[in-house]
Protein backbone atom coordinates (compact mmCIF):
# COMPACT_ATOMS: atom_id res chain seq x y z
CA MET A 1 -73.79 -77.94 -6.34
CA SER A 2 -71.06 -78.61 -3.74
CA GLY A 3 -68.69 -79.53 -6.59
CA LEU A 4 -69.36 -76.21 -8.30
CA ILE A 5 -68.79 -74.24 -5.10
CA ARG A 6 -65.59 -76.15 -4.35
CA ARG A 7 -64.29 -75.48 -7.82
CA TYR A 8 -65.22 -71.83 -7.53
CA LEU A 9 -63.22 -71.54 -4.27
CA VAL A 10 -60.23 -73.37 -5.75
CA VAL A 11 -60.11 -71.05 -8.76
CA CYS A 12 -60.51 -67.96 -6.56
CA LEU A 13 -57.72 -69.08 -4.27
CA ARG A 14 -55.36 -69.87 -7.17
CA PHE A 15 -55.86 -66.44 -8.71
CA LEU A 16 -56.05 -64.43 -5.46
CA PRO A 17 -52.26 -63.66 -5.34
CA PHE A 18 -52.46 -62.24 -8.85
CA SER A 19 -55.54 -60.18 -8.04
CA LEU A 20 -53.72 -58.62 -5.08
CA ALA A 21 -50.67 -57.94 -7.26
CA PHE A 22 -52.81 -56.11 -9.85
CA LEU A 23 -54.56 -54.11 -7.11
CA ARG A 24 -51.19 -53.13 -5.64
CA ASP A 25 -50.09 -51.99 -9.08
CA ARG A 26 -52.82 -49.36 -8.87
CA ARG A 27 -52.40 -48.55 -5.18
CA ARG A 28 -49.38 -49.74 -3.29
CA TYR A 29 -51.33 -50.54 -0.15
CA VAL A 30 -54.41 -51.88 -1.97
CA LEU A 31 -56.82 -49.25 -0.62
CA PHE A 32 -54.51 -46.23 -0.69
CA GLY A 33 -51.06 -45.18 -1.80
CA PRO A 34 -49.43 -44.26 -5.12
CA ARG A 35 -49.19 -46.49 -8.20
CA ARG A 36 -46.32 -48.96 -8.39
CA ASN A 37 -43.90 -48.89 -11.30
CA ILE A 38 -43.52 -52.49 -12.42
CA SER A 39 -40.84 -53.39 -14.96
CA ASP A 40 -41.64 -55.37 -18.09
CA GLY A 41 -39.52 -58.20 -16.69
CA GLU A 42 -41.68 -58.43 -13.58
CA HIS A 43 -44.84 -58.40 -15.68
CA ARG A 44 -43.44 -61.22 -17.82
CA ARG A 45 -42.61 -63.31 -14.74
CA ARG A 46 -46.13 -62.73 -13.41
CA ALA A 47 -47.65 -63.68 -16.76
CA GLU A 48 -45.64 -66.93 -16.75
CA ARG A 49 -46.97 -67.79 -13.27
CA ILE A 50 -50.54 -67.13 -14.44
CA ARG A 51 -49.89 -69.36 -17.47
CA ASP A 52 -48.64 -72.17 -15.24
CA THR A 53 -51.70 -71.80 -13.04
CA MET A 54 -53.97 -72.13 -16.08
CA LEU A 55 -52.15 -75.28 -17.11
CA GLU A 56 -52.73 -76.74 -13.65
CA LEU A 57 -56.44 -75.81 -13.67
CA GLY A 58 -57.07 -77.89 -16.77
CA PRO A 59 -58.50 -77.72 -20.31
CA THR A 60 -61.01 -74.91 -19.82
CA PHE A 61 -58.44 -72.51 -18.49
CA ILE A 62 -55.85 -73.59 -21.05
CA LYS A 63 -58.34 -72.65 -23.73
CA ILE A 64 -59.21 -69.40 -21.98
CA GLY A 65 -55.52 -68.51 -21.87
CA GLN A 66 -55.16 -69.27 -25.56
CA VAL A 67 -58.14 -67.05 -26.32
CA LEU A 68 -56.76 -64.25 -24.08
CA SER A 69 -53.50 -64.38 -26.02
CA THR A 70 -55.40 -62.78 -28.92
CA ARG A 71 -57.50 -60.38 -26.82
CA PRO A 72 -55.49 -57.13 -26.55
CA ASP A 73 -58.73 -55.46 -25.48
CA ILE A 74 -58.50 -57.42 -22.20
CA VAL A 75 -54.85 -58.24 -21.46
CA PRO A 76 -51.64 -56.16 -22.07
CA PRO A 77 -49.28 -57.22 -24.87
CA ILE A 78 -46.72 -58.89 -22.58
CA TYR A 79 -49.36 -61.17 -21.05
CA ALA A 80 -50.79 -61.95 -24.49
CA GLU A 81 -47.33 -62.93 -25.73
CA VAL A 82 -46.73 -65.27 -22.80
CA PHE A 83 -50.21 -66.88 -23.05
CA GLN A 84 -49.43 -67.79 -26.69
CA THR A 85 -46.95 -70.38 -25.31
CA LEU A 86 -49.77 -72.36 -23.60
CA GLN A 87 -49.49 -75.97 -24.68
CA ASP A 88 -52.19 -78.63 -24.92
CA GLU A 89 -50.24 -81.65 -23.71
CA ILE A 90 -51.95 -83.52 -20.86
CA PRO A 91 -51.21 -87.11 -19.70
CA GLU A 92 -53.21 -89.58 -21.82
CA ASP A 93 -54.83 -91.29 -18.85
CA ALA A 94 -56.18 -88.00 -17.47
CA GLY A 95 -59.99 -88.11 -17.25
CA GLY A 96 -60.46 -91.76 -18.20
CA ASP A 97 -59.82 -94.04 -21.16
CA PRO A 98 -60.64 -92.43 -24.53
CA LYS A 99 -60.75 -95.86 -26.20
CA GLN A 100 -64.01 -96.49 -24.31
CA ILE A 101 -65.56 -93.65 -26.30
CA VAL A 102 -64.49 -95.32 -29.53
CA ALA A 103 -66.09 -98.56 -28.36
CA ASN A 104 -69.30 -96.76 -27.44
CA GLU A 105 -69.50 -94.69 -30.64
CA LEU A 106 -68.32 -97.14 -33.30
CA GLY A 107 -69.39 -100.49 -31.85
CA THR A 108 -68.10 -103.27 -34.09
CA GLU A 109 -66.75 -100.95 -36.85
CA LEU A 110 -63.32 -100.75 -35.19
CA ASP A 111 -61.39 -102.73 -32.60
CA PRO A 112 -60.46 -100.21 -29.83
CA SER A 113 -57.60 -102.43 -28.66
CA ALA A 114 -55.89 -101.94 -32.04
CA LEU A 115 -55.72 -98.14 -31.73
CA ASP A 116 -52.23 -96.63 -31.70
CA PRO A 117 -51.90 -93.21 -29.96
CA ILE A 118 -49.97 -90.54 -31.88
CA ALA A 119 -50.93 -87.25 -30.22
CA GLY A 120 -52.74 -85.82 -27.17
CA GLY A 121 -54.13 -82.46 -26.22
CA SER A 122 -56.28 -80.67 -23.67
CA LEU A 123 -59.55 -81.65 -25.41
CA ALA A 124 -58.78 -84.77 -27.42
CA TYR A 125 -56.38 -87.52 -28.38
CA VAL A 126 -55.46 -88.78 -31.84
CA TYR A 127 -55.04 -92.46 -32.75
CA THR A 128 -54.41 -94.42 -35.90
CA ALA A 129 -56.39 -97.55 -36.83
CA ARG A 130 -57.11 -99.94 -39.68
CA TYR A 131 -60.48 -99.56 -41.41
CA ARG A 132 -61.31 -101.65 -44.47
CA GLU A 133 -57.68 -102.10 -45.43
CA GLU A 134 -57.02 -98.37 -45.01
CA ARG A 135 -55.11 -96.62 -42.30
CA ILE A 136 -57.18 -93.81 -40.81
CA ALA A 137 -56.76 -91.28 -38.01
CA LEU A 138 -59.26 -90.91 -35.14
CA LYS A 139 -59.60 -87.79 -33.05
CA VAL A 140 -61.38 -88.74 -29.77
CA ARG A 141 -62.72 -86.32 -27.21
CA ARG A 142 -61.52 -86.88 -23.69
CA PRO A 143 -64.06 -88.84 -21.56
CA GLY A 144 -66.18 -86.75 -19.19
CA LEU A 145 -64.74 -83.53 -20.58
CA LYS A 146 -67.91 -81.68 -21.52
CA PRO A 147 -69.45 -81.63 -17.99
CA LEU A 148 -66.14 -80.41 -16.59
CA ILE A 149 -65.90 -77.61 -19.11
CA GLU A 150 -69.53 -76.58 -18.56
CA ARG A 151 -68.83 -76.43 -14.80
CA ASP A 152 -65.69 -74.33 -15.34
CA LEU A 153 -67.55 -72.00 -17.67
CA ARG A 154 -70.17 -71.45 -14.93
CA VAL A 155 -67.29 -70.62 -12.57
CA VAL A 156 -65.92 -68.15 -15.10
CA ARG A 157 -69.35 -66.54 -15.46
CA GLY A 158 -69.44 -66.12 -11.71
CA LEU A 159 -66.01 -64.48 -11.74
CA ILE A 160 -66.79 -62.01 -14.55
CA PRO A 161 -68.66 -59.54 -12.27
CA LEU A 162 -65.73 -59.61 -9.81
CA VAL A 163 -63.25 -58.98 -12.60
CA GLY A 164 -65.44 -56.13 -13.81
CA LEU A 165 -65.08 -54.39 -10.43
CA PHE A 166 -61.31 -54.16 -10.94
CA ALA A 167 -61.36 -53.48 -14.69
CA THR A 168 -60.93 -50.00 -16.07
CA GLU A 169 -63.85 -48.33 -17.80
CA ARG A 170 -62.40 -49.12 -21.24
CA GLN A 171 -61.99 -52.81 -20.33
CA GLN A 172 -65.46 -53.32 -18.94
CA TYR A 173 -66.99 -53.27 -22.45
CA SER A 174 -64.88 -56.35 -23.32
CA VAL A 175 -65.20 -58.11 -19.96
CA ARG A 176 -69.01 -58.06 -20.15
CA ASN A 177 -68.80 -60.14 -23.35
CA ALA A 178 -65.86 -62.32 -22.39
CA ALA A 179 -67.78 -65.28 -20.92
CA ASP A 180 -69.96 -65.56 -24.04
CA ASP A 181 -66.87 -65.47 -26.27
CA PHE A 182 -65.11 -68.19 -24.24
CA GLU A 183 -68.17 -70.40 -24.33
CA GLU A 184 -68.68 -70.00 -28.07
CA ILE A 185 -65.08 -70.85 -28.98
CA ILE A 186 -64.69 -73.78 -26.55
CA SER A 187 -68.08 -75.24 -27.46
CA ASN A 188 -67.18 -75.14 -31.13
CA GLU A 189 -63.95 -77.01 -30.44
CA LEU A 190 -65.82 -79.70 -28.51
CA ASP A 191 -68.15 -80.41 -31.43
CA PHE A 192 -66.21 -82.76 -33.69
CA ASP A 193 -69.15 -83.06 -36.10
CA ARG A 194 -68.86 -79.29 -36.71
CA GLU A 195 -65.07 -79.74 -37.26
CA ARG A 196 -65.75 -82.48 -39.83
CA ARG A 197 -68.18 -80.27 -41.78
CA ILE A 198 -65.64 -77.42 -41.80
CA MET A 199 -62.85 -79.74 -42.95
CA ASP A 200 -65.02 -80.96 -45.82
CA GLU A 201 -65.94 -77.42 -46.81
CA ILE A 202 -62.37 -76.14 -46.72
CA GLY A 203 -61.22 -79.24 -48.57
CA ALA A 204 -63.78 -78.57 -51.28
CA ASN A 205 -62.80 -74.89 -51.52
CA LEU A 206 -59.10 -75.77 -51.95
CA ALA A 207 -59.62 -78.87 -54.09
CA ALA A 208 -58.34 -77.15 -57.24
CA ASP A 209 -55.07 -76.09 -55.57
CA ASP A 210 -52.70 -79.03 -55.92
CA ARG A 211 -50.17 -77.32 -53.62
CA VAL A 212 -52.39 -77.83 -50.56
CA VAL A 213 -53.89 -80.99 -49.07
CA ILE A 214 -56.72 -81.32 -46.49
CA PRO A 215 -57.41 -84.82 -45.09
CA ASP A 216 -60.70 -86.39 -46.23
CA THR A 217 -63.16 -87.32 -43.50
CA TYR A 218 -65.36 -90.39 -42.89
CA GLU A 219 -68.86 -89.22 -42.04
CA ARG A 220 -69.95 -92.78 -41.28
CA LEU A 221 -67.39 -93.11 -38.48
CA SER A 222 -67.68 -89.56 -37.12
CA SER A 223 -69.86 -88.05 -34.42
CA GLU A 224 -69.82 -85.21 -31.90
CA ARG A 225 -67.13 -87.05 -29.88
CA VAL A 226 -65.15 -88.88 -32.64
CA LEU A 227 -63.69 -87.52 -35.88
CA ALA A 228 -62.46 -90.08 -38.42
CA MET A 229 -60.22 -88.78 -41.18
CA GLU A 230 -57.67 -89.79 -43.75
CA TYR A 231 -54.27 -90.57 -42.23
CA LEU A 232 -51.68 -88.32 -43.84
CA THR A 233 -48.15 -87.58 -42.69
CA GLY A 234 -45.60 -84.90 -43.41
CA ARG A 235 -42.64 -83.07 -41.92
CA LYS A 236 -43.26 -80.22 -39.52
CA VAL A 237 -42.71 -77.06 -41.58
CA THR A 238 -40.29 -75.57 -39.08
CA ASP A 239 -38.04 -78.67 -38.82
CA GLU A 240 -34.50 -78.17 -40.06
CA ASP A 241 -34.79 -81.00 -42.61
CA ALA A 242 -38.38 -80.17 -43.66
CA PHE A 243 -37.34 -79.06 -47.19
CA ASP A 244 -34.47 -81.43 -47.86
CA ASP A 245 -34.78 -83.05 -51.30
CA LEU A 246 -37.91 -80.98 -52.11
CA ASP A 247 -38.51 -78.56 -55.00
CA VAL A 248 -40.10 -76.01 -52.70
CA THR A 249 -38.09 -73.49 -50.68
CA PRO A 250 -38.92 -72.20 -47.17
CA HIS A 251 -39.72 -68.76 -48.66
CA GLU A 252 -42.09 -70.29 -51.22
CA MET A 253 -43.80 -72.32 -48.51
CA ALA A 254 -44.17 -69.21 -46.28
CA THR A 255 -45.81 -67.37 -49.21
CA ARG A 256 -48.08 -70.34 -49.88
CA ILE A 257 -49.15 -70.57 -46.22
CA LEU A 258 -50.05 -66.90 -46.08
CA LYS A 259 -51.96 -66.89 -49.38
CA VAL A 260 -53.90 -70.05 -48.43
CA TYR A 261 -55.00 -68.50 -45.17
CA LEU A 262 -55.87 -65.19 -46.77
CA ARG A 263 -57.99 -67.07 -49.32
CA MET A 264 -59.78 -69.08 -46.61
CA GLY A 265 -60.54 -65.95 -44.62
CA LEU A 266 -61.30 -63.28 -47.20
CA VAL A 267 -62.48 -65.26 -50.24
CA ASP A 268 -64.09 -68.46 -48.95
CA GLY A 269 -65.23 -67.20 -45.54
CA VAL A 270 -64.32 -70.47 -43.79
CA PHE A 271 -60.86 -70.72 -42.27
CA HIS A 272 -58.55 -72.78 -40.11
CA ALA A 273 -57.70 -70.50 -37.19
CA ASP A 274 -54.76 -72.30 -35.54
CA PRO A 275 -51.76 -72.19 -37.90
CA HIS A 276 -49.03 -72.95 -35.37
CA PRO A 277 -46.12 -75.17 -36.53
CA GLY A 278 -47.64 -78.34 -35.05
CA ASN A 279 -50.62 -78.02 -37.36
CA LEU A 280 -48.67 -77.34 -40.55
CA ALA A 281 -46.63 -79.93 -42.39
CA VAL A 282 -44.97 -80.40 -45.77
CA THR A 283 -45.60 -83.69 -47.55
CA ASP A 284 -42.95 -85.74 -49.36
CA ASP A 285 -44.12 -84.26 -52.66
CA GLY A 286 -43.84 -80.64 -51.35
CA ARG A 287 -47.52 -79.90 -50.61
CA LEU A 288 -48.80 -77.96 -47.62
CA LEU A 289 -50.71 -80.22 -45.20
CA LEU A 290 -53.11 -78.74 -42.63
CA PHE A 291 -54.07 -80.50 -39.35
CA ASP A 292 -56.52 -79.96 -36.50
CA PHE A 293 -59.49 -77.86 -37.55
CA GLY A 294 -60.98 -77.60 -34.05
CA MET A 295 -60.29 -73.87 -33.90
CA SER A 296 -62.01 -72.76 -37.08
CA GLU A 297 -64.52 -70.12 -37.98
CA CYS A 298 -67.07 -69.16 -40.59
CA ILE A 299 -67.50 -65.44 -41.31
CA THR A 300 -70.11 -63.62 -43.30
CA ALA A 301 -69.49 -61.72 -46.51
CA THR A 302 -70.16 -58.50 -44.61
CA VAL A 303 -67.36 -59.20 -42.13
CA GLN A 304 -65.02 -60.16 -45.03
CA GLU A 305 -65.73 -56.83 -46.74
CA ASN A 306 -65.28 -54.87 -43.50
CA ILE A 307 -61.89 -56.53 -42.87
CA ALA A 308 -60.79 -55.68 -46.45
CA GLY A 309 -62.20 -52.16 -45.97
CA LEU A 310 -60.12 -51.70 -42.85
CA TYR A 311 -56.99 -52.67 -44.73
CA ARG A 312 -57.86 -50.39 -47.66
CA ALA A 313 -58.41 -47.48 -45.30
CA LEU A 314 -55.11 -48.16 -43.54
CA VAL A 315 -53.19 -48.24 -46.83
CA ARG A 316 -54.83 -44.98 -47.99
CA ARG A 317 -54.45 -43.32 -44.57
CA ASP A 318 -58.24 -42.82 -44.59
CA VAL A 319 -59.04 -42.16 -40.94
CA ASP A 320 -62.80 -41.92 -41.50
CA GLY A 321 -62.76 -45.20 -43.41
CA MET A 322 -60.82 -46.90 -40.60
CA THR A 323 -63.33 -45.65 -38.03
CA ASP A 324 -66.29 -46.84 -40.14
CA ALA A 325 -64.69 -50.29 -40.51
CA LEU A 326 -63.94 -50.64 -36.78
CA ILE A 327 -67.52 -49.70 -35.86
CA ALA A 328 -68.93 -52.07 -38.52
CA LEU A 329 -66.82 -54.90 -37.08
CA ASP A 330 -68.21 -54.17 -33.57
CA VAL A 331 -64.73 -53.35 -32.33
CA LEU A 332 -65.86 -49.86 -31.37
CA GLU A 333 -69.25 -48.83 -30.07
CA PRO A 334 -71.43 -46.98 -32.61
CA HIS A 335 -71.70 -43.89 -30.39
CA VAL A 336 -67.95 -43.57 -29.90
CA ASN A 337 -66.50 -40.05 -30.25
CA ARG A 338 -65.38 -40.17 -33.89
CA ALA A 339 -63.29 -36.99 -33.65
CA LYS A 340 -61.19 -38.45 -30.81
CA VAL A 341 -60.88 -41.80 -32.51
CA GLY A 342 -59.76 -40.02 -35.68
CA ARG A 343 -56.98 -38.24 -33.84
CA VAL A 344 -55.83 -41.54 -32.27
CA LEU A 345 -55.83 -43.29 -35.64
CA GLU A 346 -53.78 -40.47 -37.16
CA LEU A 347 -51.18 -41.13 -34.41
CA VAL A 348 -51.27 -44.86 -35.27
CA ILE A 349 -50.51 -44.09 -38.92
CA GLU A 350 -47.75 -41.63 -38.02
CA ASN A 351 -46.09 -44.14 -35.69
CA LEU A 352 -46.25 -46.94 -38.25
CA GLU A 353 -44.73 -44.71 -40.96
CA GLY A 354 -41.82 -43.92 -38.61
CA ARG A 355 -40.86 -47.59 -38.19
CA ALA A 356 -38.12 -49.24 -40.22
CA GLU A 357 -40.09 -52.49 -40.36
CA ILE A 358 -43.87 -52.91 -40.23
CA THR A 359 -45.36 -56.31 -39.35
CA TRP A 360 -48.86 -57.58 -38.73
CA ARG A 361 -48.07 -57.85 -35.02
CA THR A 362 -46.80 -54.25 -35.04
CA ILE A 363 -50.00 -52.96 -36.65
CA ILE A 364 -52.27 -54.85 -34.20
CA THR A 365 -50.19 -53.84 -31.17
CA GLU A 366 -50.07 -50.19 -32.21
CA LEU A 367 -53.78 -50.09 -33.05
CA THR A 368 -55.01 -51.78 -29.88
CA THR A 369 -52.61 -49.90 -27.63
CA ARG A 370 -53.87 -46.59 -28.96
CA LEU A 371 -57.48 -47.68 -28.78
CA ARG A 372 -57.20 -48.44 -25.06
CA ALA A 373 -58.49 -44.93 -24.44
CA PHE A 374 -61.91 -46.08 -25.72
CA PRO A 375 -64.30 -48.90 -24.85
CA PHE A 376 -63.52 -51.54 -27.45
CA ARG A 377 -63.68 -55.33 -27.78
CA ILE A 378 -62.54 -57.96 -30.25
CA PRO A 379 -65.51 -60.14 -31.40
CA PRO A 380 -64.72 -63.91 -31.68
CA ASP A 381 -64.62 -63.97 -35.50
CA VAL A 382 -62.31 -60.95 -35.69
CA MET A 383 -60.25 -62.33 -32.80
CA LEU A 384 -59.64 -65.60 -34.69
CA LEU A 385 -58.66 -63.62 -37.82
CA ILE A 386 -56.15 -61.66 -35.70
CA ARG A 387 -54.85 -64.98 -34.31
CA VAL A 388 -54.37 -66.31 -37.81
CA GLY A 389 -52.34 -63.22 -38.73
CA THR A 390 -50.10 -63.17 -35.65
CA VAL A 391 -49.49 -66.93 -35.42
CA GLY A 392 -49.19 -67.27 -39.20
CA GLU A 393 -46.72 -64.41 -39.43
CA GLY A 394 -44.57 -66.06 -36.73
CA VAL A 395 -44.45 -69.32 -38.70
CA CYS A 396 -43.59 -67.51 -41.93
CA ARG A 397 -40.74 -65.66 -40.24
CA GLN A 398 -39.42 -68.93 -38.82
CA LEU A 399 -39.28 -70.22 -42.37
CA ASP A 400 -37.78 -67.00 -43.76
CA PRO A 401 -36.51 -64.34 -41.29
CA ASP A 402 -36.71 -61.71 -44.07
CA PHE A 403 -40.24 -62.60 -45.10
CA ASP A 404 -42.26 -59.50 -45.97
CA PHE A 405 -45.66 -60.39 -44.56
CA LEU A 406 -47.45 -57.18 -45.54
CA ALA A 407 -46.09 -57.17 -49.13
CA VAL A 408 -47.61 -60.64 -49.72
CA VAL A 409 -50.88 -59.51 -48.12
CA ARG A 410 -50.96 -56.44 -50.35
CA SER A 411 -50.29 -58.41 -53.54
CA PHE A 412 -52.97 -60.92 -52.58
CA LEU A 413 -55.57 -58.17 -51.99
CA ILE A 414 -54.76 -56.58 -55.34
CA GLU A 415 -54.87 -59.98 -57.10
CA TYR A 416 -58.31 -60.78 -55.72
CA GLY A 417 -59.69 -57.28 -56.19
CA PHE A 418 -59.92 -56.32 -52.48
CA LEU A 419 -57.44 -53.53 -52.99
CA GLU A 420 -56.99 -51.47 -56.14
CA SER A 421 -53.60 -50.62 -57.62
CA GLU A 422 -52.16 -47.21 -56.88
CA LEU A 423 -53.43 -45.80 -60.22
CA ASP A 424 -56.90 -47.20 -59.59
CA ALA A 425 -56.89 -45.68 -56.11
CA ILE A 426 -55.99 -42.24 -57.50
CA LEU A 427 -58.67 -42.49 -60.17
CA GLU A 428 -61.26 -43.59 -57.61
CA ALA A 429 -60.32 -40.69 -55.29
CA THR A 430 -60.58 -38.25 -58.24
CA TRP A 431 -63.96 -39.65 -59.26
CA ALA A 432 -65.16 -39.32 -55.64
CA ASP A 433 -64.15 -35.64 -55.68
CA VAL A 434 -65.99 -35.16 -58.99
CA ARG A 435 -69.15 -36.78 -57.55
CA GLN A 436 -69.00 -34.49 -54.53
CA SER A 437 -68.52 -31.41 -56.75
CA PHE A 438 -71.14 -32.37 -59.31
CA PRO A 439 -74.09 -30.62 -57.67
CA ALA A 440 -72.20 -27.33 -57.63
CA LEU A 441 -71.14 -27.84 -61.27
CA VAL A 442 -74.75 -28.46 -62.30
CA ARG A 443 -75.86 -25.20 -60.68
CA LEU A 444 -72.97 -23.20 -62.15
CA PRO A 445 -74.39 -22.60 -65.74
CA THR A 446 -77.63 -21.28 -64.29
CA ARG A 447 -75.76 -18.84 -62.08
CA VAL A 448 -73.53 -17.70 -64.98
CA ASP A 449 -76.60 -17.19 -67.23
CA ARG A 450 -78.39 -15.20 -64.54
CA THR A 451 -75.34 -13.00 -63.97
CA LEU A 452 -74.87 -12.29 -67.72
CA SER A 453 -78.58 -11.39 -68.06
CA ARG A 454 -78.29 -8.87 -65.26
CA LEU A 455 -75.17 -7.47 -66.87
CA GLU A 456 -77.02 -7.05 -70.23
CA ARG A 457 -79.89 -5.22 -68.52
CA GLY A 458 -77.47 -2.91 -66.74
CA GLU A 459 -78.50 -4.22 -63.34
CA LEU A 460 -75.02 -5.35 -62.39
CA THR A 461 -72.26 -2.99 -61.49
CA LEU A 462 -68.69 -4.11 -61.26
CA ARG A 463 -66.25 -2.19 -59.06
CA ALA A 464 -62.54 -2.67 -59.62
CA ASP A 465 -61.11 0.30 -57.76
CA PRO A 466 -57.82 -0.70 -56.18
CA THR A 467 -57.46 0.15 -52.51
CA VAL A 468 -53.73 0.74 -52.99
CA GLU A 469 -51.96 2.26 -55.99
CA THR A 470 -50.01 -0.57 -57.53
CA GLY A 471 -49.05 0.92 -60.88
CA VAL A 472 -49.38 -0.76 -64.24
CA GLY A 473 -48.65 -4.50 -64.30
CA ASP A 474 -47.03 -6.61 -66.94
CA ARG A 475 -49.82 -7.34 -69.46
CA ASN A 476 -47.77 -10.09 -71.08
CA LEU A 477 -47.12 -11.98 -67.84
CA GLY A 478 -49.64 -14.69 -68.82
CA TYR A 479 -47.27 -15.99 -71.50
CA ALA A 480 -44.53 -16.33 -68.90
CA VAL A 481 -46.92 -18.30 -66.65
CA LEU A 482 -47.83 -20.58 -69.58
CA ALA A 483 -44.18 -21.08 -70.39
CA GLY A 484 -43.35 -22.02 -66.78
CA SER A 485 -46.32 -24.42 -66.33
CA THR A 486 -45.69 -26.27 -69.59
CA LEU A 487 -41.98 -26.55 -68.69
CA VAL A 488 -42.94 -28.22 -65.38
CA THR A 489 -45.34 -30.50 -67.29
CA ALA A 490 -42.54 -31.52 -69.65
CA ALA A 491 -40.33 -32.34 -66.65
CA ILE A 492 -43.00 -34.62 -65.24
CA LEU A 493 -43.63 -36.35 -68.56
CA ALA A 494 -39.92 -37.05 -68.93
CA PHE A 495 -40.46 -40.05 -66.62
CA HIS A 496 -43.05 -41.58 -68.96
CA ASP A 497 -42.08 -44.38 -71.35
CA ARG A 498 -43.28 -42.40 -74.41
CA PRO A 499 -41.68 -39.07 -75.49
CA TYR A 500 -44.69 -36.86 -74.63
CA GLU A 501 -42.37 -34.31 -73.07
CA ILE A 502 -40.89 -33.22 -76.43
CA PRO A 503 -43.97 -31.46 -77.90
CA VAL A 504 -44.77 -29.98 -74.46
CA LEU A 505 -41.20 -28.65 -74.18
CA LEU A 506 -41.52 -27.08 -77.66
CA ALA A 507 -44.75 -25.40 -76.54
CA ALA A 508 -43.00 -24.02 -73.46
CA ILE A 509 -40.21 -22.56 -75.64
CA ALA A 510 -42.81 -21.02 -77.94
CA PHE A 511 -44.63 -19.34 -75.02
CA LEU A 512 -41.33 -18.04 -73.71
CA ILE A 513 -40.37 -16.57 -77.14
CA VAL A 514 -43.79 -14.87 -77.45
CA TYR A 515 -43.44 -13.43 -73.95
CA LEU A 516 -39.93 -12.05 -74.61
CA ALA A 517 -40.98 -10.63 -78.00
CA ARG A 518 -44.13 -8.87 -76.73
CA ARG A 519 -42.26 -7.56 -73.71
CA ARG A 520 -39.57 -6.05 -76.00
CA THR A 521 -42.16 -4.39 -78.24
CA SER A 522 -44.12 -3.03 -75.29
CA THR A 523 -41.03 -1.31 -73.84
């Protein structure tokens, strides 16, 4: 228990200066005084100091910072942007010798002394080894890591109530769930057996796509602490020479990356959630190679449909549909004021339409910034989808600065039937209007029949006395109206491939001649 208390005090002392700074932002003298106006530059410098503190506090806080980088419901955009730069590198000898875990887990299957280190991170190290005349890769969890993370998560749980005291009302909804979210994501990353199963499932889902390669795994050599997989190499996709002597261009690879991730998330429901450049490579034969499936997620068909529904509603400017999707995704509380949310979402759409360039990051930033007026949170599965979008878009734009992220997303959604074409959307909207009007149309004949019966029996009196003398109108004006409407119709049909406008134009001329002739005879 003394170790837990000591760690709690260390964490509190490291974050105390930042807590005071945030309190002074609200009230200059902590307990009283006006708000302080802090520049974006000062906020960025403060965020960088917090990031460095997380690095010093170790793996748990590194992962928490990475999670917070995709939690706009908790941290402002500047802090989220800085936290995205958190790196996993930690000295290899930190926390003990990982080769001892290999010796304990694999026994005589492999010689731990023959392992060659190739990478290291906050949670694990990667080695290469020889196994039955094959070269394989071993991902090994850092020794003694799980107890340390469990201790730090208990510390975080103890800090959550204190953070809640300083959080605004809209943030408290997210803060109450933050510890559970951190624990779920970090626990999943620690379970290498889960990672192996996800790799196998994603590999099977993409097996028919010869443009993508997922390393095979070795179930016999894998466990909760060790993941054995096929050793594959490639060039980092953002390297300058990555596409030298290859038949694939950076733009084509960017499109491939985006479509692969969209398929994983919206079609297969199992996706790799960490598409930063270090986890993406291009092989010597031009295929996309994916690494490190620790940060992965499985989502239900319901969540997939709700995500697609949110995009459909955004494209169609359907505020009610957007509200329904956000509530269904647990981003907004069910009892939220829908009228106020609707007005905010209308502002989001207006602001996006006014921008020269619309990106995924722009949409997320605009949406979450506007929603700060309401209690909202980003559930872990939705958070990882957002991370895929923001990080993936960054990689695609590194490959091709002019890459149109949303155009590729739109074409994918149409291709897979998540989003109808413009004509289909118009027809669907028209059919919806017909369905809504159908009850009234069904009742109409009955009402007409009843009215005509009363008229026959002399029970209905029609009064058409004008309240103001208007004189006699033009009885032939209907032909002029017909001529004008058919002329407009002909103008519209002129843009069609077939010459439908010609007979319509002739009809307009005929109506005009009749109108002029009857007008002349009547005068």
